[in-house]
Amino acid sequence: MPTATPTATGLATAPGSRVTRYAKSTAASVTPVRPGKTHELSALDNAMGRHAVHLVLYCRAAPGVDRDPLKESLSEALSLYPAMVGRLTRAEGEGGAAAGSGWIVKCNDAGVRTVDARASGTLDTSPPPADDEMDLAYFEPMGSEAYIWSPFYVQLTEFADKSYALGLSCTHYHNDPTAAALFFHGWAAAHRRSSSPYPPFLHSPSFAVSPAASPPPAPPLLAAKSAAAPPSADAAVTMSSATFHFPADAMRALLSSLEPETTPFAALAALFWLRVAGAEEERELTLALDFRRRCTRRCRRVLVNASVDFIA
């Protein structure tokens, strides 16, 4: 197992933070990767290079939840994720020359960086405020020497009551919040000496490109829309809109007549679809959701709270 070497370089936290980082080390997988193994990054992965993912998982004090056992189970979990312990290198072009753009992961068992930290107070009585949560997930941006830079960082922060905050930071080259959360499940399964119900992956298999496979046929409605001639610029398009207001008393009366766990959204959605299904004439319906207003700012950090059981 790797040993933590005390260092103060680059481990500083925000002024007034309750978190103190005091050591940095490297965690490697217990199972070596076969020589020459690589992990290709797609064009979409390479386009996400300016973004990073940060997750923080809180673990209450319990027998078996301690720094050394957590590091041991981390190394076991990393055996299922060889790309996490690898390093970035440029893809080779024709003749063995480095391509102008695009990264691949060389799975060379270089390991992930781990940071040891302490936090004042207890997790239950004085949880860290939002401003301190970024100090629970250490991360270093890529420097000029990508071949020695670790894209994954794991921070183990111990509270005064022996609770822990497990912070995972990584580039969006390799990972997304969903896959990172599933890694926590795999880590928890390794810590409990059990198997995880979720297969290990860094990218969703649904995004894998198979040149030999033909694309699935489009639904009839979409096929008809694709074949239709585009409307002319002079054609006047009349759009209609409607706003619905549901008083609180009406919502409470509606929810009281349904199952106890029914949410207001589920009740209103059911009413909406009942009216659509009750229309006399049969028509095609396309439902779209406009989320552009939610993406007005560039998201460089994504914070996700997860609930994972590290106790057997």
C-alpha atoms as a PDB file:
ATOM      1  CA  MET A   1       0.000   0.000   0.000  1.00  0.00           C
ATOM      2  CA  PRO A   2       1.226   3.537  -0.678  1.00  0.00           C
ATOM      3  CA  THR A   3       2.312   5.663   2.220  1.00  0.00           C
ATOM      4  CA  ALA A   4       1.341   9.281   2.680  1.00  0.00           C
ATOM      5  CA  THR A   5       4.237  11.681   2.419  1.00  0.00           C
ATOM      6  CA  PRO A   6       3.608  14.931   4.351  1.00  0.00           C
ATOM      7  CA  THR A   7       3.800  17.939   2.092  1.00  0.00           C
ATOM      8  CA  ALA A   8       2.426  21.462   2.161  1.00  0.00           C
ATOM      9  CA  THR A   9       2.861  22.252  -1.517  1.00  0.00           C
ATOM     10  CA  GLY A  10      -0.449  22.933  -3.223  1.00  0.00           C
ATOM     11  CA  LEU A  11      -2.565  21.625  -0.333  1.00  0.00           C
ATOM     12  CA  ALA A  12      -3.729  24.980   1.016  1.00  0.00           C
ATOM     13  CA  THR A  13      -7.434  25.557   1.576  1.00  0.00           C
ATOM     14  CA  ALA A  14      -9.527  28.717   1.449  1.00  0.00           C
ATOM     15  CA  PRO A  15      -8.928  31.330   4.180  1.00  0.00           C
ATOM     16  CA  GLY A  16     -10.955  30.507   7.278  1.00  0.00           C
ATOM     17  CA  SER A  17     -11.740  26.995   6.115  1.00  0.00           C
ATOM     18  CA  ARG A  18     -12.303  24.274   8.701  1.00  0.00           C
ATOM     19  CA  VAL A  19     -10.476  21.767   6.495  1.00  0.00           C
ATOM     20  CA  THR A  20      -6.725  21.159   6.809  1.00  0.00           C
ATOM     21  CA  ARG A  21      -4.916  19.064   4.212  1.00  0.00           C
ATOM     22  CA  TYR A  22      -1.670  17.617   5.490  1.00  0.00           C
ATOM     23  CA  ALA A  23      -0.450  14.802   3.210  1.00  0.00           C
ATOM     24  CA  LYS A  24      -0.541  13.559  -0.354  1.00  0.00           C
ATOM     25  CA  SER A  25       0.080  10.026  -1.611  1.00  0.00           C
ATOM     26  CA  THR A  26      -0.652   7.710  -4.526  1.00  0.00           C
ATOM     27  CA  ALA A  27      -3.102   4.804  -4.558  1.00  0.00           C
ATOM     28  CA  ALA A  28      -2.549   2.096  -7.155  1.00  0.00           C
ATOM     29  CA  SER A  29      -4.713  -0.862  -8.087  1.00  0.00           C
ATOM     30  CA  VAL A  30      -3.956  -4.242  -6.542  1.00  0.00           C
ATOM     31  CA  THR A  31      -4.233  -5.965  -9.927  1.00  0.00           C
ATOM     32  CA  PRO A  32      -1.723  -4.846 -12.580  1.00  0.00           C
ATOM     33  CA  VAL A  33      -2.968  -3.873 -16.023  1.00  0.00           C
ATOM     34  CA  ARG A  34      -1.778  -5.835 -19.022  1.00  0.00           C
ATOM     35  CA  PRO A  35       0.985  -4.007 -20.936  1.00  0.00           C
ATOM     36  CA  GLY A  36      -0.116  -1.845 -23.827  1.00  0.00           C
ATOM     37  CA  LYS A  37      -3.710  -1.384 -22.703  1.00  0.00           C
ATOM     38  CA  THR A  38      -5.181   1.993 -23.676  1.00  0.00           C
ATOM     39  CA  HIS A  39      -8.521   3.740 -23.280  1.00  0.00           C
ATOM     40  CA  GLU A  40      -9.661   5.855 -26.216  1.00  0.00           C
ATOM     41  CA  LEU A  41     -11.444   9.149 -25.659  1.00  0.00           C
ATOM     42  CA  SER A  42     -14.170  10.209 -28.050  1.00  0.00           C
ATOM     43  CA  ALA A  43     -14.448  13.588 -29.749  1.00  0.00           C
ATOM     44  CA  LEU A  44     -17.065  14.568 -27.171  1.00  0.00           C
ATOM     45  CA  ASP A  45     -14.703  13.579 -24.345  1.00  0.00           C
ATOM     46  CA  ASN A  46     -11.939  15.735 -25.784  1.00  0.00           C
ATOM     47  CA  ALA A  47     -14.363  18.648 -26.082  1.00  0.00           C
ATOM     48  CA  MET A  48     -14.994  18.512 -22.313  1.00  0.00           C
ATOM     49  CA  GLY A  49     -11.381  19.197 -21.380  1.00  0.00           C
ATOM     50  CA  ARG A  50     -12.135  22.514 -19.650  1.00  0.00           C
ATOM     51  CA  HIS A  51     -14.623  20.932 -17.278  1.00  0.00           C
ATOM     52  CA  ALA A  52     -14.122  18.945 -14.097  1.00  0.00           C
ATOM     53  CA  VAL A  53     -16.366  16.800 -11.911  1.00  0.00           C
ATOM     54  CA  HIS A  54     -16.341  17.076  -8.113  1.00  0.00           C
ATOM     55  CA  LEU A  55     -18.287  14.754  -5.813  1.00  0.00           C
ATOM     56  CA  VAL A  56     -18.371  14.585  -2.012  1.00  0.00           C
ATOM     57  CA  LEU A  57     -19.699  11.561  -0.124  1.00  0.00           C
ATOM     58  CA  TYR A  58     -20.275  11.796   3.626  1.00  0.00           C
ATOM     59  CA  CYS A  59     -19.850   8.703   5.818  1.00  0.00           C
ATOM     60  CA  ARG A  60     -20.946   8.731   9.451  1.00  0.00           C
ATOM     61  CA  ALA A  61     -18.675   7.174  12.061  1.00  0.00           C
ATOM     62  CA  ALA A  62     -18.985   3.382  12.118  1.00  0.00           C
ATOM     63  CA  PRO A  63     -16.778   0.347  12.788  1.00  0.00           C
ATOM     64  CA  GLY A  64     -14.579  -0.346   9.785  1.00  0.00           C
ATOM     65  CA  VAL A  65     -14.820   3.179   8.386  1.00  0.00           C
ATOM     66  CA  ASP A  66     -11.276   4.406   8.950  1.00  0.00           C
ATOM     67  CA  ARG A  67      -8.527   5.895   6.839  1.00  0.00           C
ATOM     68  CA  ASP A  68      -6.369   2.811   6.265  1.00  0.00           C
ATOM     69  CA  PRO A  69      -9.245   0.395   5.488  1.00  0.00           C
ATOM     70  CA  LEU A  70     -10.736   2.965   3.128  1.00  0.00           C
ATOM     71  CA  LYS A  71      -7.445   3.252   1.254  1.00  0.00           C
ATOM     72  CA  GLU A  72      -7.143  -0.526   0.998  1.00  0.00           C
ATOM     73  CA  SER A  73     -10.634  -0.904  -0.441  1.00  0.00           C
ATOM     74  CA  LEU A  74      -9.930   2.016  -2.785  1.00  0.00           C
ATOM     75  CA  SER A  75      -6.984   0.125  -4.282  1.00  0.00           C
ATOM     76  CA  GLU A  76      -9.176  -2.938  -4.721  1.00  0.00           C
ATOM     77  CA  ALA A  77     -11.874  -0.897  -6.460  1.00  0.00           C
ATOM     78  CA  LEU A  78      -9.309   0.692  -8.784  1.00  0.00           C
ATOM     79  CA  SER A  79      -8.533  -2.770 -10.172  1.00  0.00           C
ATOM     80  CA  LEU A  80     -11.865  -2.576 -12.000  1.00  0.00           C
ATOM     81  CA  TYR A  81     -11.090   0.865 -13.429  1.00  0.00           C
ATOM     82  CA  PRO A  82      -7.707   0.662 -15.222  1.00  0.00           C
ATOM     83  CA  ALA A  83      -8.316   3.984 -16.996  1.00  0.00           C
ATOM     84  CA  MET A  84      -8.502   5.790 -13.653  1.00  0.00           C
ATOM     85  CA  VAL A  85      -4.942   4.818 -12.748  1.00  0.00           C
ATOM     86  CA  GLY A  86      -3.575   5.691 -16.190  1.00  0.00           C
ATOM     87  CA  ARG A  87      -2.173   8.865 -17.695  1.00  0.00           C
ATOM     88  CA  LEU A  88      -3.100  10.998 -20.678  1.00  0.00           C
ATOM     89  CA  THR A  89      -1.020  10.926 -23.827  1.00  0.00           C
ATOM     90  CA  ARG A  90      -1.523  12.242 -27.327  1.00  0.00           C
ATOM     91  CA  ALA A  91      -2.969   9.906 -29.925  1.00  0.00           C
ATOM     92  CA  GLU A  92      -0.499   8.873 -32.610  1.00  0.00           C
ATOM     93  CA  GLY A  93      -1.130   9.799 -36.216  1.00  0.00           C
ATOM     94  CA  GLU A  94       0.239   8.222 -39.353  1.00  0.00           C
ATOM     95  CA  GLY A  95       3.814   7.005 -39.148  1.00  0.00           C
ATOM     96  CA  GLY A  96       3.799   7.038 -35.355  1.00  0.00           C
ATOM     97  CA  ALA A  97       3.812  10.830 -35.082  1.00  0.00           C
ATOM     98  CA  ALA A  98       1.709  12.494 -32.424  1.00  0.00           C
ATOM     99  CA  ALA A  99      -1.623  13.670 -33.718  1.00  0.00           C
ATOM    100  CA  GLY A 100      -2.418  17.351 -33.532  1.00  0.00           C
ATOM    101  CA  SER A 101      -5.361  16.882 -31.194  1.00  0.00           C
ATOM    102  CA  GLY A 102      -7.061  14.207 -29.181  1.00  0.00           C
ATOM    103  CA  TRP A 103      -6.044  12.355 -26.048  1.00  0.00           C
ATOM    104  CA  ILE A 104      -5.939   8.692 -25.141  1.00  0.00           C
ATOM    105  CA  VAL A 105      -5.415   7.129 -21.731  1.00  0.00           C
ATOM    106  CA  LYS A 106      -2.373   4.924 -21.326  1.00  0.00           C
ATOM    107  CA  CYS A 107      -3.296   2.404 -18.621  1.00  0.00           C
ATOM    108  CA  ASN A 108       0.120   2.183 -16.983  1.00  0.00           C
ATOM    109  CA  ASP A 109      -0.828   1.649 -13.294  1.00  0.00           C
ATOM    110  CA  ALA A 110       0.461   5.101 -12.346  1.00  0.00           C
ATOM    111  CA  GLY A 111      -2.284   5.395  -9.707  1.00  0.00           C
ATOM    112  CA  VAL A 112      -4.569   8.145  -8.476  1.00  0.00           C
ATOM    113  CA  ARG A 113      -3.532  10.919  -6.107  1.00  0.00           C
ATOM    114  CA  THR A 114      -4.957  10.711  -2.599  1.00  0.00           C
ATOM    115  CA  VAL A 115      -5.006  13.571  -0.109  1.00  0.00           C
ATOM    116  CA  ASP A 116      -5.338  13.197   3.667  1.00  0.00           C
ATOM    117  CA  ALA A 117      -7.165  15.957   5.513  1.00  0.00           C
ATOM    118  CA  ARG A 118      -8.896  16.780   8.788  1.00  0.00           C
ATOM    119  CA  ALA A 119     -11.934  18.951   9.489  1.00  0.00           C
ATOM    120  CA  SER A 120     -12.865  20.603  12.758  1.00  0.00           C
ATOM    121  CA  GLY A 121     -16.245  19.838  14.276  1.00  0.00           C
ATOM    122  CA  THR A 122     -18.478  16.835  13.767  1.00  0.00           C
ATOM    123  CA  LEU A 123     -20.490  15.808  10.757  1.00  0.00           C
ATOM    124  CA  ASP A 124     -23.886  15.731  12.497  1.00  0.00           C
ATOM    125  CA  THR A 125     -23.676  18.779  14.743  1.00  0.00           C
ATOM    126  CA  SER A 126     -21.654  21.115  12.534  1.00  0.00           C
ATOM    127  CA  PRO A 127     -21.588  19.958   8.896  1.00  0.00           C
ATOM    128  CA  PRO A 128     -19.326  21.952   6.589  1.00  0.00           C
ATOM    129  CA  PRO A 129     -20.973  24.967   4.952  1.00  0.00           C
ATOM    130  CA  ALA A 130     -21.279  25.214   1.198  1.00  0.00           C
ATOM    131  CA  ASP A 131     -18.173  27.413   0.944  1.00  0.00           C
ATOM    132  CA  ASP A 132     -16.060  24.704   2.615  1.00  0.00           C
ATOM    133  CA  GLU A 133     -17.317  21.807   0.499  1.00  0.00           C
ATOM    134  CA  MET A 134     -14.900  22.606  -2.316  1.00  0.00           C
ATOM    135  CA  ASP A 135     -12.089  22.086   0.215  1.00  0.00           C
ATOM    136  CA  LEU A 136     -13.323  18.489   0.591  1.00  0.00           C
ATOM    137  CA  ALA A 137     -12.515  17.621  -3.037  1.00  0.00           C
ATOM    138  CA  TYR A 138      -8.888  18.355  -3.939  1.00  0.00           C
ATOM    139  CA  PHE A 139      -7.964  18.830  -7.582  1.00  0.00           C
ATOM    140  CA  GLU A 140      -4.975  19.989  -9.603  1.00  0.00           C
ATOM    141  CA  PRO A 141      -5.469  21.187 -13.194  1.00  0.00           C
ATOM    142  CA  MET A 142      -3.359  19.718 -15.951  1.00  0.00           C
ATOM    143  CA  GLY A 143       0.111  21.172 -16.260  1.00  0.00           C
ATOM    144  CA  SER A 144       2.605  21.110 -19.087  1.00  0.00           C
ATOM    145  CA  GLU A 145       3.639  17.508 -18.326  1.00  0.00           C
ATOM    146  CA  ALA A 146       0.437  15.558 -18.870  1.00  0.00           C
ATOM    147  CA  TYR A 147       2.188  12.188 -18.731  1.00  0.00           C
ATOM    148  CA  ILE A 148       2.894  12.576 -14.986  1.00  0.00           C
ATOM    149  CA  TRP A 149      -0.354  14.362 -14.083  1.00  0.00           C
ATOM    150  CA  SER A 150      -3.101  12.379 -12.362  1.00  0.00           C
ATOM    151  CA  PRO A 151      -6.575  13.077 -13.791  1.00  0.00           C
ATOM    152  CA  PHE A 152      -8.210  11.621 -10.635  1.00  0.00           C
ATOM    153  CA  TYR A 153      -7.875  12.854  -7.051  1.00  0.00           C
ATOM    154  CA  VAL A 154      -9.408  11.301  -3.934  1.00  0.00           C
ATOM    155  CA  GLN A 155      -9.472  13.244  -0.665  1.00  0.00           C
ATOM    156  CA  LEU A 156     -10.219  11.553   2.663  1.00  0.00           C
ATOM    157  CA  THR A 157     -11.270  14.113   5.270  1.00  0.00           C
ATOM    158  CA  GLU A 158     -11.706  12.967   8.876  1.00  0.00           C
ATOM    159  CA  PHE A 159     -14.055  14.834  11.225  1.00  0.00           C
ATOM    160  CA  ALA A 160     -13.686  15.033  14.994  1.00  0.00           C
ATOM    161  CA  ASP A 161     -16.318  12.313  15.514  1.00  0.00           C
ATOM    162  CA  LYS A 162     -14.470   9.886  13.174  1.00  0.00           C
ATOM    163  CA  SER A 163     -16.911  10.556  10.351  1.00  0.00           C
ATOM    164  CA  TYR A 164     -15.432  10.934   6.876  1.00  0.00           C
ATOM    165  CA  ALA A 165     -15.967  12.969   3.751  1.00  0.00           C
ATOM    166  CA  LEU A 166     -14.764  11.209   0.608  1.00  0.00           C
ATOM    167  CA  GLY A 167     -14.079  13.675  -2.187  1.00  0.00           C
ATOM    168  CA  LEU A 168     -13.557  12.602  -5.791  1.00  0.00           C
ATOM    169  CA  SER A 169     -12.335  15.066  -8.420  1.00  0.00           C
ATOM    170  CA  CYS A 170     -11.567  14.264 -12.033  1.00  0.00           C
ATOM    171  CA  THR A 171     -11.570  15.730 -15.489  1.00  0.00           C
ATOM    172  CA  HIS A 172     -14.589  15.433 -17.722  1.00  0.00           C
ATOM    173  CA  TYR A 173     -12.239  13.788 -20.238  1.00  0.00           C
ATOM    174  CA  HIS A 174     -12.675  10.482 -18.430  1.00  0.00           C
ATOM    175  CA  ASN A 175     -15.817  10.680 -16.409  1.00  0.00           C
ATOM    176  CA  ASP A 176     -19.235  12.200 -15.843  1.00  0.00           C
ATOM    177  CA  PRO A 177     -21.194  12.577 -12.581  1.00  0.00           C
ATOM    178  CA  THR A 178     -23.191   9.395 -13.192  1.00  0.00           C
ATOM    179  CA  ALA A 179     -20.157   7.190 -13.770  1.00  0.00           C
ATOM    180  CA  ALA A 180     -18.339   8.845 -10.855  1.00  0.00           C
ATOM    181  CA  ALA A 181     -21.269   8.064  -8.545  1.00  0.00           C
ATOM    182  CA  LEU A 182     -21.211   4.449  -9.724  1.00  0.00           C
ATOM    183  CA  PHE A 183     -17.513   4.304  -8.862  1.00  0.00           C
ATOM    184  CA  PHE A 184     -18.462   5.195  -5.285  1.00  0.00           C
ATOM    185  CA  HIS A 185     -20.842   2.227  -5.311  1.00  0.00           C
ATOM    186  CA  GLY A 186     -18.020  -0.010  -6.512  1.00  0.00           C
ATOM    187  CA  TRP A 187     -15.709   1.358  -3.819  1.00  0.00           C
ATOM    188  CA  ALA A 188     -18.359   0.725  -1.157  1.00  0.00           C
ATOM    189  CA  ALA A 189     -18.849  -2.829  -2.421  1.00  0.00           C
ATOM    190  CA  ALA A 190     -15.096  -3.474  -2.237  1.00  0.00           C
ATOM    191  CA  HIS A 191     -15.051  -2.067   1.301  1.00  0.00           C
ATOM    192  CA  ARG A 192     -17.883  -4.401   2.361  1.00  0.00           C
ATOM    193  CA  ARG A 193     -16.246  -7.358   0.594  1.00  0.00           C
ATOM    194  CA  SER A 194     -19.295  -7.776  -1.613  1.00  0.00           C
ATOM    195  CA  SER A 195     -20.052  -7.432  -5.304  1.00  0.00           C
ATOM    196  CA  SER A 196     -21.467  -4.276  -6.814  1.00  0.00           C
ATOM    197  CA  PRO A 197     -24.727  -4.542  -8.792  1.00  0.00           C
ATOM    198  CA  TYR A 198     -23.388  -1.918 -11.196  1.00  0.00           C
ATOM    199  CA  PRO A 199     -20.824  -2.915 -13.850  1.00  0.00           C
ATOM    200  CA  PRO A 200     -17.723  -0.715 -13.884  1.00  0.00           C
ATOM    201  CA  PHE A 201     -17.545   1.822 -16.696  1.00  0.00           C
ATOM    202  CA  LEU A 202     -16.305   5.351 -17.257  1.00  0.00           C
ATOM    203  CA  HIS A 203     -18.581   6.045 -20.215  1.00  0.00           C
ATOM    204  CA  SER A 204     -22.091   4.861 -20.902  1.00  0.00           C
ATOM    205  CA  PRO A 205     -22.103   1.881 -23.304  1.00  0.00           C
ATOM    206  CA  SER A 206     -25.007   3.529 -25.127  1.00  0.00           C
ATOM    207  CA  PHE A 207     -22.568   6.136 -26.486  1.00  0.00           C
ATOM    208  CA  ALA A 208     -20.259   3.526 -28.011  1.00  0.00           C
ATOM    209  CA  VAL A 209     -20.016   3.865 -31.784  1.00  0.00           C
ATOM    210  CA  SER A 210     -20.285   0.673 -33.819  1.00  0.00           C
ATOM    211  CA  PRO A 211     -19.518   1.325 -37.519  1.00  0.00           C
ATOM    212  CA  ALA A 212     -20.874  -2.073 -38.558  1.00  0.00           C
ATOM    213  CA  ALA A 213     -24.269  -1.543 -36.957  1.00  0.00           C
ATOM    214  CA  SER A 214     -26.907   0.253 -38.998  1.00  0.00           C
ATOM    215  CA  PRO A 215     -28.837   3.020 -37.249  1.00  0.00           C
ATOM    216  CA  PRO A 216     -32.260   2.022 -35.915  1.00  0.00           C
ATOM    217  CA  PRO A 217     -35.246   3.117 -37.988  1.00  0.00           C
ATOM    218  CA  ALA A 218     -36.771   6.418 -36.990  1.00  0.00           C
ATOM    219  CA  PRO A 219     -40.277   6.450 -35.501  1.00  0.00           C
ATOM    220  CA  PRO A 220     -43.010   7.173 -38.072  1.00  0.00           C
ATOM    221  CA  LEU A 221     -43.657  10.661 -36.722  1.00  0.00           C
ATOM    222  CA  LEU A 222     -39.986  11.683 -36.870  1.00  0.00           C
ATOM    223  CA  ALA A 223     -39.555  10.069 -40.285  1.00  0.00           C
ATOM    224  CA  ALA A 224     -42.501  12.036 -41.645  1.00  0.00           C
ATOM    225  CA  LYS A 225     -41.144  15.279 -40.222  1.00  0.00           C
ATOM    226  CA  SER A 226     -37.708  14.620 -41.721  1.00  0.00           C
ATOM    227  CA  ALA A 227     -39.178  13.941 -45.155  1.00  0.00           C
ATOM    228  CA  ALA A 228     -41.472  16.968 -45.105  1.00  0.00           C
ATOM    229  CA  ALA A 229     -40.386  20.102 -46.927  1.00  0.00           C
ATOM    230  CA  PRO A 230     -39.115  22.868 -44.661  1.00  0.00           C
ATOM    231  CA  PRO A 231     -41.545  25.766 -44.205  1.00  0.00           C
ATOM    232  CA  SER A 232     -40.852  28.882 -46.207  1.00  0.00           C
ATOM    233  CA  ALA A 233     -39.593  32.006 -44.518  1.00  0.00           C
ATOM    234  CA  ASP A 234     -42.714  33.909 -45.565  1.00  0.00           C
ATOM    235  CA  ALA A 235     -45.109  31.411 -44.048  1.00  0.00           C
ATOM    236  CA  ALA A 236     -46.734  32.804 -40.937  1.00  0.00           C
ATOM    237  CA  VAL A 237     -46.572  30.446 -37.993  1.00  0.00           C
ATOM    238  CA  THR A 238     -49.157  30.962 -35.303  1.00  0.00           C
ATOM    239  CA  MET A 239     -47.992  29.811 -31.895  1.00  0.00           C
ATOM    240  CA  SER A 240     -50.274  29.552 -28.905  1.00  0.00           C
ATOM    241  CA  SER A 241     -49.431  29.347 -25.230  1.00  0.00           C
ATOM    242  CA  ALA A 242     -51.346  28.635 -22.055  1.00  0.00           C
ATOM    243  CA  THR A 243     -50.647  29.275 -18.394  1.00  0.00           C
ATOM    244  CA  PHE A 244     -52.267  27.170 -15.687  1.00  0.00           C
ATOM    245  CA  HIS A 245     -52.640  28.251 -12.078  1.00  0.00           C
ATOM    246  CA  PHE A 246     -53.488  25.707  -9.400  1.00  0.00           C
ATOM    247  CA  PRO A 247     -54.473  27.131  -6.001  1.00  0.00           C
ATOM    248  CA  ALA A 248     -52.918  25.564  -2.930  1.00  0.00           C
ATOM    249  CA  ASP A 249     -56.309  24.444  -1.609  1.00  0.00           C
ATOM    250  CA  ALA A 250     -57.078  22.650  -4.846  1.00  0.00           C
ATOM    251  CA  MET A 251     -53.691  20.903  -4.792  1.00  0.00           C
ATOM    252  CA  ARG A 252     -54.163  19.760  -1.200  1.00  0.00           C
ATOM    253  CA  ALA A 253     -57.625  18.424  -2.023  1.00  0.00           C
ATOM    254  CA  LEU A 254     -56.237  16.585  -5.048  1.00  0.00           C
ATOM    255  CA  LEU A 255     -53.336  15.033  -3.144  1.00  0.00           C
ATOM    256  CA  SER A 256     -55.611  13.952  -0.286  1.00  0.00           C
ATOM    257  CA  SER A 257     -57.572  11.785  -2.723  1.00  0.00           C
ATOM    258  CA  LEU A 258     -54.466  10.018  -4.033  1.00  0.00           C
ATOM    259  CA  GLU A 259     -51.853   7.703  -2.560  1.00  0.00           C
ATOM    260  CA  PRO A 260     -49.860   9.242   0.329  1.00  0.00           C
ATOM    261  CA  GLU A 261     -46.517   9.283  -1.528  1.00  0.00           C
ATOM    262  CA  THR A 262     -47.871  10.996  -4.656  1.00  0.00           C
ATOM    263  CA  THR A 263     -45.989  14.207  -5.472  1.00  0.00           C
ATOM    264  CA  PRO A 264     -47.699  17.363  -6.794  1.00  0.00           C
ATOM    265  CA  PHE A 265     -45.790  17.016 -10.061  1.00  0.00           C
ATOM    266  CA  ALA A 266     -46.998  13.429 -10.560  1.00  0.00           C
ATOM    267  CA  ALA A 267     -50.593  14.446  -9.854  1.00  0.00           C
ATOM    268  CA  LEU A 268     -50.520  17.367 -12.299  1.00  0.00           C
ATOM    269  CA  ALA A 269     -48.745  15.300 -14.950  1.00  0.00           C
ATOM    270  CA  ALA A 270     -51.436  12.627 -14.624  1.00  0.00           C
ATOM    271  CA  LEU A 271     -54.171  15.245 -15.054  1.00  0.00           C
ATOM    272  CA  PHE A 272     -52.416  16.627 -18.124  1.00  0.00           C
ATOM    273  CA  TRP A 273     -52.100  13.257 -19.828  1.00  0.00           C
ATOM    274  CA  LEU A 274     -55.681  12.313 -18.962  1.00  0.00           C
ATOM    275  CA  ARG A 275     -56.875  15.361 -20.873  1.00  0.00           C
ATOM    276  CA  VAL A 276     -54.584  14.548 -23.795  1.00  0.00           C
ATOM    277  CA  ALA A 277     -55.735  10.927 -23.902  1.00  0.00           C
ATOM    278  CA  GLY A 278     -59.374  12.005 -23.684  1.00  0.00           C
ATOM    279  CA  ALA A 279     -59.259  14.075 -26.864  1.00  0.00           C
ATOM    280  CA  GLU A 280     -61.814  12.900 -29.401  1.00  0.00           C
ATOM    281  CA  GLU A 281     -59.595  13.236 -32.454  1.00  0.00           C
ATOM    282  CA  GLU A 282     -56.473  11.096 -32.748  1.00  0.00           C
ATOM    283  CA  ARG A 283     -53.439  13.294 -33.337  1.00  0.00           C
ATOM    284  CA  GLU A 284     -49.673  13.022 -33.174  1.00  0.00           C
ATOM    285  CA  LEU A 285     -48.029  14.841 -30.293  1.00  0.00           C
ATOM    286  CA  THR A 286     -44.430  15.972 -29.869  1.00  0.00           C
ATOM    287  CA  LEU A 287     -43.358  17.097 -26.400  1.00  0.00           C
ATOM    288  CA  ALA A 288     -40.101  19.060 -26.030  1.00  0.00           C
ATOM    289  CA  LEU A 289     -38.356  20.572 -23.026  1.00  0.00           C
ATOM    290  CA  ASP A 290     -36.379  23.798 -23.440  1.00  0.00           C
ATOM    291  CA  PHE A 291     -33.543  23.867 -20.892  1.00  0.00           C
ATOM    292  CA  ARG A 292     -31.352  26.569 -22.476  1.00  0.00           C
ATOM    293  CA  ARG A 293     -32.009  28.980 -19.634  1.00  0.00           C
ATOM    294  CA  ARG A 294     -30.454  26.474 -17.270  1.00  0.00           C
ATOM    295  CA  CYS A 295     -27.214  26.476 -19.275  1.00  0.00           C
ATOM    296  CA  THR A 296     -26.471  30.205 -19.460  1.00  0.00           C
ATOM    297  CA  ARG A 297     -23.275  29.826 -17.463  1.00  0.00           C
ATOM    298  CA  ARG A 298     -20.390  27.558 -18.183  1.00  0.00           C
ATOM    299  CA  CYS A 299     -20.388  24.776 -15.592  1.00  0.00           C
ATOM    300  CA  ARG A 300     -16.784  24.125 -14.680  1.00  0.00           C
ATOM    301  CA  ARG A 301     -17.624  22.224 -11.513  1.00  0.00           C
ATOM    302  CA  VAL A 302     -20.418  19.776 -10.803  1.00  0.00           C
ATOM    303  CA  LEU A 303     -21.216  18.989  -7.171  1.00  0.00           C
ATOM    304  CA  VAL A 304     -23.174  15.818  -6.536  1.00  0.00           C
ATOM    305  CA  ASN A 305     -24.251  14.391  -3.195  1.00  0.00           C
ATOM    306  CA  ALA A 306     -24.601  10.620  -3.092  1.00  0.00           C
ATOM    307  CA  SER A 307     -25.730   8.071  -0.544  1.00  0.00           C
ATOM    308  CA  VAL A 308     -23.611   4.920  -0.428  1.00  0.00           C
ATOM    309  CA  ASP A 309     -23.351   2.295   2.304  1.00  0.00           C
ATOM    310  CA  PHE A 310     -19.746   1.514   3.292  1.00  0.00           C
ATOM    311  CA  ILE A 311     -20.878  -0.626   6.246  1.00  0.00           C
ATOM    312  CA  ALA A 312     -21.436  -4.353   5.845  1.00  0.00           C
END
